């Protein structure tokens, strides 16, 4: 029985590792709230409310995870955020 549990734990860990990538958006003194919100809606498929909450968190906390997922999907989204002038990285 313990072999089955260990195997299940290994599978769960491997699945979790596959989606642990995050796009983190950082605060800057250049972009307006509207620009950040509109960009998050367009690029990350956020609702207006989600994007607004992220923009507020970025403003007051200095950063916010705006998207999680698999690296191949996050790379073009992060590049689009950067192309729009936002400070974003994948971690």
C-alpha atoms as a PDB file:
ATOM      1  CA  UNK A   1       0.000   0.000   0.000  1.00  0.00           C
ATOM      2  CA  UNK A   2       2.811   2.454   0.775  1.00  0.00           C
ATOM      3  CA  UNK A   3       4.240   1.957  -2.725  1.00  0.00           C
ATOM      4  CA  UNK A   4       0.934   3.094  -4.205  1.00  0.00           C
ATOM      5  CA  UNK A   5       0.870   6.175  -1.974  1.00  0.00           C
ATOM      6  CA  UNK A   6       4.487   7.019  -2.835  1.00  0.00           C
ATOM      7  CA  UNK A   7       3.722   6.651  -6.545  1.00  0.00           C
ATOM      8  CA  UNK A   8       0.666   8.911  -6.253  1.00  0.00           C
ATOM      9  CA  UNK A   9       2.713  11.487  -4.358  1.00  0.00           C
ATOM     10  CA  UNK A  10       5.382  11.440  -7.075  1.00  0.00           C
ATOM     11  CA  UNK A  11       2.762  11.953  -9.790  1.00  0.00           C
ATOM     12  CA  UNK A  12       1.184  14.848  -7.891  1.00  0.00           C
ATOM     13  CA  UNK A  13       4.573  16.484  -7.380  1.00  0.00           C
ATOM     14  CA  UNK A  14       5.453  16.101 -11.064  1.00  0.00           C
ATOM     15  CA  UNK A  15       2.112  17.610 -12.091  1.00  0.00           C
ATOM     16  CA  UNK A  16       2.555  20.515  -9.698  1.00  0.00           C
ATOM     17  CA  UNK A  17       6.061  21.219 -10.976  1.00  0.00           C
ATOM     18  CA  UNK A  18       4.720  21.493 -14.526  1.00  0.00           C
ATOM     19  CA  UNK A  19       2.557  24.516 -13.692  1.00  0.00           C
ATOM     20  CA  UNK A  20       4.706  26.313 -11.140  1.00  0.00           C
ATOM     21  CA  UNK A  21       5.784  28.975 -13.605  1.00  0.00           C
ATOM     22  CA  UNK A  22       4.438  32.448 -12.933  1.00  0.00           C
ATOM     23  CA  UNK A  23       4.378  35.765 -14.727  1.00  0.00           C
ATOM     24  CA  UNK A  24       5.166  38.427 -12.160  1.00  0.00           C
ATOM     25  CA  UNK A  25       4.297  42.023 -12.957  1.00  0.00           C
ATOM     26  CA  UNK A  26       6.335  44.764 -11.262  1.00  0.00           C
ATOM     27  CA  UNK A  27       5.406  48.324 -10.416  1.00  0.00           C
ATOM     28  CA  UNK A  28       6.813  51.211 -12.412  1.00  0.00           C
ATOM     29  CA  UNK A  29       6.336  54.953 -12.548  1.00  0.00           C
ATOM     30  CA  UNK A  30       5.510  55.027 -16.251  1.00  0.00           C
ATOM     31  CA  UNK A  31       2.327  53.083 -17.004  1.00  0.00           C
ATOM     32  CA  UNK A  32      -1.160  54.216 -16.063  1.00  0.00           C
ATOM     33  CA  UNK A  33      -3.661  52.018 -14.266  1.00  0.00           C
ATOM     34  CA  UNK A  34      -5.829  51.964 -17.381  1.00  0.00           C
ATOM     35  CA  UNK A  35      -2.963  50.808 -19.584  1.00  0.00           C
ATOM     36  CA  UNK A  36      -2.012  48.025 -17.147  1.00  0.00           C
ATOM     37  CA  UNK A  37      -5.623  46.889 -16.794  1.00  0.00           C
ATOM     38  CA  UNK A  38      -6.336  46.939 -20.529  1.00  0.00           C
ATOM     39  CA  UNK A  39      -3.116  45.042 -21.242  1.00  0.00           C
ATOM     40  CA  UNK A  40      -3.867  42.348 -18.652  1.00  0.00           C
ATOM     41  CA  UNK A  41      -7.360  41.906 -20.080  1.00  0.00           C
ATOM     42  CA  UNK A  42      -6.015  41.626 -23.631  1.00  0.00           C
ATOM     43  CA  UNK A  43      -2.898  39.530 -22.999  1.00  0.00           C
ATOM     44  CA  UNK A  44      -3.743  37.397 -19.961  1.00  0.00           C
ATOM     45  CA  UNK A  45      -7.486  36.980 -20.569  1.00  0.00           C
ATOM     46  CA  UNK A  46      -8.287  38.586 -17.218  1.00  0.00           C
ATOM     47  CA  UNK A  47     -11.687  39.985 -16.474  1.00  0.00           C
ATOM     48  CA  UNK A  48     -11.707  43.737 -15.931  1.00  0.00           C
ATOM     49  CA  UNK A  49     -12.068  43.140 -12.178  1.00  0.00           C
ATOM     50  CA  UNK A  50      -9.146  40.682 -12.049  1.00  0.00           C
ATOM     51  CA  UNK A  51      -6.924  43.069 -13.982  1.00  0.00           C
ATOM     52  CA  UNK A  52      -7.924  45.981 -11.768  1.00  0.00           C
ATOM     53  CA  UNK A  53      -7.111  44.000  -8.610  1.00  0.00           C
ATOM     54  CA  UNK A  54      -3.709  43.022 -10.047  1.00  0.00           C
ATOM     55  CA  UNK A  55      -2.961  46.645 -10.926  1.00  0.00           C
ATOM     56  CA  UNK A  56      -3.823  47.738  -7.380  1.00  0.00           C
ATOM     57  CA  UNK A  57      -1.643  45.004  -5.868  1.00  0.00           C
ATOM     58  CA  UNK A  58       1.254  45.930  -8.135  1.00  0.00           C
ATOM     59  CA  UNK A  59       0.890  49.582  -7.170  1.00  0.00           C
ATOM     60  CA  UNK A  60       0.804  49.003  -3.411  1.00  0.00           C
ATOM     61  CA  UNK A  61       2.893  45.821  -3.029  1.00  0.00           C
ATOM     62  CA  UNK A  62       5.385  46.406  -5.839  1.00  0.00           C
ATOM     63  CA  UNK A  63       4.585  43.183  -7.665  1.00  0.00           C
ATOM     64  CA  UNK A  64       1.880  40.641  -8.359  1.00  0.00           C
ATOM     65  CA  UNK A  65       1.639  37.238  -9.994  1.00  0.00           C
ATOM     66  CA  UNK A  66      -0.686  37.819 -12.931  1.00  0.00           C
ATOM     67  CA  UNK A  67      -0.625  34.390 -14.574  1.00  0.00           C
ATOM     68  CA  UNK A  68       0.483  30.846 -13.738  1.00  0.00           C
ATOM     69  CA  UNK A  69       0.872  27.900 -16.044  1.00  0.00           C
ATOM     70  CA  UNK A  70       3.173  26.026 -18.321  1.00  0.00           C
ATOM     71  CA  UNK A  71       6.227  27.802 -19.654  1.00  0.00           C
ATOM     72  CA  UNK A  72       5.434  27.473 -23.396  1.00  0.00           C
ATOM     73  CA  UNK A  73       2.118  29.269 -22.868  1.00  0.00           C
ATOM     74  CA  UNK A  74       3.537  31.923 -20.541  1.00  0.00           C
ATOM     75  CA  UNK A  75       6.497  32.954 -22.719  1.00  0.00           C
ATOM     76  CA  UNK A  76       4.469  34.710 -25.452  1.00  0.00           C
ATOM     77  CA  UNK A  77       2.171  36.292 -22.868  1.00  0.00           C
ATOM     78  CA  UNK A  78       5.122  37.685 -20.915  1.00  0.00           C
ATOM     79  CA  UNK A  79       6.682  38.958 -24.140  1.00  0.00           C
ATOM     80  CA  UNK A  80       3.412  40.711 -25.022  1.00  0.00           C
ATOM     81  CA  UNK A  81       3.308  42.369 -21.600  1.00  0.00           C
ATOM     82  CA  UNK A  82       6.889  43.538 -22.083  1.00  0.00           C
ATOM     83  CA  UNK A  83       6.123  44.750 -25.618  1.00  0.00           C
ATOM     84  CA  UNK A  84       3.337  46.845 -24.102  1.00  0.00           C
ATOM     85  CA  UNK A  85       5.915  48.491 -21.834  1.00  0.00           C
ATOM     86  CA  UNK A  86       5.136  46.581 -18.644  1.00  0.00           C
ATOM     87  CA  UNK A  87       7.824  45.175 -16.362  1.00  0.00           C
ATOM     88  CA  UNK A  88       7.120  41.440 -16.299  1.00  0.00           C
ATOM     89  CA  UNK A  89       9.219  38.304 -15.823  1.00  0.00           C
ATOM     90  CA  UNK A  90       8.634  34.583 -15.649  1.00  0.00           C
ATOM     91  CA  UNK A  91       9.746  32.871 -12.476  1.00  0.00           C
END
